[in-house]
N, C-alpha and C. Protein backbone atom coordinates (compact mmCIF):
# COMPACT_ATOMS: atom_id res chain seq x y z
N MET A 1 -26.37 3.35 11.16
CA MET A 1 -25.61 2.74 10.00
C MET A 1 -24.37 3.63 9.80
N PRO A 2 -23.25 2.87 9.75
CA PRO A 2 -22.02 3.66 9.52
C PRO A 2 -21.91 4.16 8.10
N HIS A 3 -21.21 5.36 7.91
CA HIS A 3 -20.99 5.82 6.50
C HIS A 3 -19.50 6.29 6.40
N PRO A 4 -18.99 6.03 5.36
CA PRO A 4 -17.60 6.41 5.02
C PRO A 4 -17.26 7.88 5.22
N VAL A 5 -15.95 8.04 5.86
CA VAL A 5 -15.56 9.48 6.12
C VAL A 5 -14.26 9.55 5.38
N ASP A 6 -13.92 10.80 4.85
CA ASP A 6 -12.68 11.04 4.24
C ASP A 6 -11.52 11.21 5.29
N PRO A 7 -10.48 10.14 5.18
CA PRO A 7 -9.47 10.19 6.29
C PRO A 7 -8.58 11.49 6.15
N LYS A 8 -8.58 12.13 5.07
CA LYS A 8 -7.67 13.30 4.88
C LYS A 8 -8.10 14.44 5.81
N LEU A 9 -9.42 14.36 6.36
CA LEU A 9 -10.05 15.24 7.13
C LEU A 9 -9.30 15.25 8.56
N PHE A 10 -8.66 14.15 8.83
CA PHE A 10 -7.98 13.83 10.17
C PHE A 10 -6.43 13.71 9.94
N GLY A 11 -6.03 13.95 8.71
CA GLY A 11 -4.57 14.03 8.39
C GLY A 11 -4.15 12.31 8.34
N LEU A 12 -4.99 11.53 7.95
CA LEU A 12 -4.53 10.05 7.78
C LEU A 12 -4.33 9.90 6.25
N HIS A 13 -3.69 8.81 6.05
CA HIS A 13 -3.36 8.27 4.73
C HIS A 13 -4.67 8.10 4.05
N PRO A 14 -4.78 8.40 2.67
CA PRO A 14 -6.01 8.22 2.00
C PRO A 14 -6.35 6.87 1.76
N ALA A 15 -5.62 5.85 1.89
CA ALA A 15 -6.04 4.39 1.83
C ALA A 15 -6.60 3.98 2.95
N THR A 16 -6.60 4.78 4.11
CA THR A 16 -7.29 4.36 5.39
C THR A 16 -8.83 4.24 5.31
N GLN A 17 -9.48 3.04 5.55
CA GLN A 17 -10.82 2.99 5.64
C GLN A 17 -11.38 3.33 6.98
N LEU A 18 -12.24 4.57 6.88
CA LEU A 18 -12.64 5.13 8.07
C LEU A 18 -14.21 5.36 7.99
N GLU A 19 -14.83 4.98 8.89
CA GLU A 19 -16.37 5.05 9.02
C GLU A 19 -16.78 5.79 10.15
N GLN A 20 -17.85 6.46 10.09
CA GLN A 20 -18.57 7.06 11.25
C GLN A 20 -19.93 6.54 11.59
N SER A 21 -20.09 6.00 12.76
CA SER A 21 -21.33 5.24 12.89
C SER A 21 -22.15 5.98 14.07
N GLY A 22 -21.70 7.22 14.40
CA GLY A 22 -22.36 8.01 15.33
C GLY A 22 -21.71 9.53 15.25
N LYS A 23 -22.25 10.43 16.10
CA LYS A 23 -21.69 11.65 16.09
C LYS A 23 -20.19 11.77 16.44
N LYS A 24 -19.76 10.95 17.45
CA LYS A 24 -18.36 10.99 17.91
C LYS A 24 -17.84 9.46 17.90
N ARG A 25 -18.42 8.58 17.22
CA ARG A 25 -17.98 7.14 17.11
C ARG A 25 -17.35 6.86 15.69
N PHE A 26 -16.13 6.48 15.64
CA PHE A 26 -15.45 6.19 14.47
C PHE A 26 -15.02 4.76 14.43
N VAL A 27 -14.89 4.16 13.18
CA VAL A 27 -14.57 2.77 13.11
C VAL A 27 -13.44 2.77 11.93
N ILE A 28 -12.23 2.16 12.45
CA ILE A 28 -11.20 1.99 11.50
C ILE A 28 -11.30 0.48 10.92
N VAL A 29 -11.59 0.35 9.62
CA VAL A 29 -11.67 -1.08 9.03
C VAL A 29 -10.39 -1.45 8.43
N VAL A 30 -10.01 -2.67 8.80
CA VAL A 30 -8.85 -3.30 8.23
C VAL A 30 -9.42 -4.71 7.67
N ASN A 31 -9.23 -4.78 6.35
CA ASN A 31 -9.76 -5.93 5.66
C ASN A 31 -8.54 -6.71 5.01
N ARG A 32 -8.17 -7.78 5.81
CA ARG A 32 -7.19 -8.60 5.15
C ARG A 32 -7.16 -9.90 5.86
N LYS A 33 -6.28 -10.85 5.29
CA LYS A 33 -6.43 -12.29 5.95
C LYS A 33 -5.32 -12.39 6.99
N SER A 34 -4.07 -11.63 6.90
CA SER A 34 -3.11 -11.93 7.78
C SER A 34 -3.27 -11.20 9.12
N ARG A 35 -2.78 -11.81 10.22
CA ARG A 35 -2.91 -11.47 11.61
C ARG A 35 -2.44 -9.96 11.82
N ILE A 36 -3.17 -9.34 12.72
CA ILE A 36 -2.77 -7.92 13.04
C ILE A 36 -1.85 -8.10 14.20
N VAL A 37 -0.72 -7.64 14.08
CA VAL A 37 0.44 -7.77 15.03
C VAL A 37 0.74 -6.30 15.72
N MET A 38 1.67 -6.36 16.62
CA MET A 38 1.79 -5.07 17.35
C MET A 38 2.26 -3.88 16.43
N LYS A 39 3.05 -4.17 15.35
CA LYS A 39 3.34 -3.10 14.54
C LYS A 39 2.09 -2.47 13.83
N ASP A 40 1.24 -3.32 13.52
CA ASP A 40 -0.09 -2.94 13.00
C ASP A 40 -0.87 -2.09 14.20
N GLY A 41 -0.80 -2.67 15.28
CA GLY A 41 -1.61 -1.96 16.48
C GLY A 41 -0.98 -0.64 16.85
N GLU A 42 0.38 -0.47 16.67
CA GLU A 42 0.91 0.81 16.91
C GLU A 42 0.34 1.96 15.84
N LYS A 43 0.33 1.53 14.63
CA LYS A 43 -0.18 2.43 13.72
C LYS A 43 -1.73 2.72 13.98
N ILE A 44 -2.50 1.82 14.37
CA ILE A 44 -3.85 1.86 14.69
C ILE A 44 -4.11 2.96 15.77
N VAL A 45 -3.23 2.74 16.80
CA VAL A 45 -3.26 3.78 17.92
C VAL A 45 -2.92 5.12 17.43
N GLN A 46 -1.85 5.26 16.63
CA GLN A 46 -1.65 6.59 15.98
C GLN A 46 -2.74 7.18 15.32
N LYS A 47 -3.46 6.33 14.54
CA LYS A 47 -4.61 6.84 13.74
C LYS A 47 -5.70 7.36 14.77
N ALA A 48 -5.89 6.47 15.77
CA ALA A 48 -6.94 6.82 16.79
C ALA A 48 -6.68 8.11 17.63
N ASN A 49 -5.31 8.38 17.69
CA ASN A 49 -4.97 9.61 18.47
C ASN A 49 -5.19 10.90 17.49
N ARG A 50 -4.93 10.71 16.25
CA ARG A 50 -5.16 11.84 15.31
C ARG A 50 -6.74 12.14 15.26
N ILE A 51 -7.47 10.97 15.30
CA ILE A 51 -8.94 11.25 15.15
C ILE A 51 -9.38 12.13 16.57
N ARG A 52 -8.90 11.64 17.67
CA ARG A 52 -9.21 12.16 19.00
C ARG A 52 -8.58 13.60 19.13
N ALA A 53 -7.60 13.93 18.50
CA ALA A 53 -7.17 15.32 18.58
C ALA A 53 -8.13 16.20 17.72
N LYS A 54 -8.70 15.70 16.70
CA LYS A 54 -9.77 16.63 15.96
C LYS A 54 -11.08 16.60 16.46
N VAL A 55 -11.52 15.49 17.11
CA VAL A 55 -12.74 15.38 17.63
C VAL A 55 -12.61 14.89 19.13
N ALA A 56 -12.82 15.81 19.96
CA ALA A 56 -12.67 15.52 21.46
C ALA A 56 -13.83 14.43 21.86
N GLY A 57 -13.27 13.63 22.75
CA GLY A 57 -14.24 12.51 23.26
C GLY A 57 -14.65 11.48 22.23
N ALA A 58 -14.00 11.47 21.21
CA ALA A 58 -14.27 10.40 20.01
C ALA A 58 -14.09 9.01 20.65
N THR A 59 -15.01 8.05 20.24
CA THR A 59 -14.89 6.53 20.60
C THR A 59 -14.19 6.05 19.32
N ILE A 60 -13.29 5.34 19.26
CA ILE A 60 -12.68 4.58 18.24
C ILE A 60 -12.75 3.04 18.30
N SER A 61 -13.13 2.41 17.26
CA SER A 61 -13.25 0.92 17.26
C SER A 61 -12.52 0.44 16.08
N LEU A 62 -12.01 -0.73 16.05
CA LEU A 62 -11.27 -1.43 14.92
C LEU A 62 -12.14 -2.61 14.49
N GLN A 63 -12.49 -2.47 13.35
CA GLN A 63 -13.29 -3.69 12.65
C GLN A 63 -12.34 -4.44 11.90
N SER A 64 -12.13 -5.67 12.04
CA SER A 64 -11.30 -6.51 11.16
C SER A 64 -11.67 -7.81 11.00
N SER A 65 -11.37 -8.33 9.86
CA SER A 65 -11.69 -9.77 9.42
C SER A 65 -10.58 -10.62 9.74
N ALA A 66 -9.51 -10.08 10.10
CA ALA A 66 -8.19 -10.84 10.42
C ALA A 66 -8.22 -10.99 11.83
N PRO A 67 -7.49 -12.06 12.41
CA PRO A 67 -7.35 -12.25 13.82
C PRO A 67 -6.38 -11.30 14.38
N VAL A 68 -6.54 -10.77 15.70
CA VAL A 68 -5.71 -9.87 16.33
C VAL A 68 -4.73 -10.52 17.34
N CYS A 69 -3.59 -10.40 17.37
CA CYS A 69 -2.66 -10.85 18.29
C CYS A 69 -3.07 -10.54 19.82
N SER A 70 -2.85 -11.52 20.77
CA SER A 70 -3.35 -11.23 22.00
C SER A 70 -2.81 -10.10 22.68
N LYS A 71 -1.31 -9.87 22.46
CA LYS A 71 -0.53 -8.66 23.12
C LYS A 71 -1.05 -7.32 22.42
N THR A 72 -1.46 -7.57 21.19
CA THR A 72 -1.96 -6.28 20.47
C THR A 72 -3.30 -5.85 21.02
N LYS A 73 -4.13 -7.07 21.24
CA LYS A 73 -5.34 -6.73 21.87
C LYS A 73 -5.32 -6.02 23.19
N ALA A 74 -4.46 -6.36 24.02
CA ALA A 74 -4.17 -5.74 25.36
C ALA A 74 -3.76 -4.36 25.17
N MET A 75 -2.73 -4.17 24.20
CA MET A 75 -2.39 -2.70 23.92
C MET A 75 -3.42 -1.74 23.36
N LEU A 76 -4.29 -2.40 22.54
CA LEU A 76 -5.43 -1.54 22.01
C LEU A 76 -6.41 -1.35 23.04
N GLN A 77 -6.72 -2.15 24.11
CA GLN A 77 -7.61 -1.86 25.18
C GLN A 77 -7.12 -0.87 26.15
N VAL A 78 -5.76 -0.86 26.46
CA VAL A 78 -5.26 0.13 27.23
C VAL A 78 -5.45 1.50 26.52
N ASN A 79 -5.37 1.70 25.21
CA ASN A 79 -5.29 2.97 24.45
C ASN A 79 -6.82 3.14 24.03
N LYS A 80 -7.77 2.46 24.66
CA LYS A 80 -9.29 2.70 24.45
C LYS A 80 -9.65 2.57 23.05
N VAL A 81 -9.22 1.55 22.36
CA VAL A 81 -9.61 1.17 20.96
C VAL A 81 -10.32 -0.15 21.11
N GLU A 82 -11.65 -0.12 20.83
CA GLU A 82 -12.53 -1.37 20.87
C GLU A 82 -12.28 -2.15 19.69
N ILE A 83 -12.30 -3.50 19.85
CA ILE A 83 -12.19 -4.42 18.66
C ILE A 83 -13.49 -5.01 18.23
N ILE A 84 -13.76 -5.01 17.09
CA ILE A 84 -14.92 -5.56 16.55
C ILE A 84 -14.48 -6.69 15.44
N GLU A 85 -14.75 -7.94 15.83
CA GLU A 85 -14.12 -9.11 14.82
C GLU A 85 -15.42 -9.59 14.18
């Protein structure tokens, strides 16, 4: 069961919704209706890299209620960010 984590521990913006569902498994939560585009994807990858810098071998997932652009999906897969829709 995922539980909330303080994003400030990883140097992320306090408004970032971050959950931990395992010892090294983190979920970035994005709740909105508008599509997630490349600009958003780049920010998500930056957040994932900050988490990985603090926790070696961390698995990062993106949980979103919004649709994700196909190019953004491809970029997130290259950067090893799993998408949970």
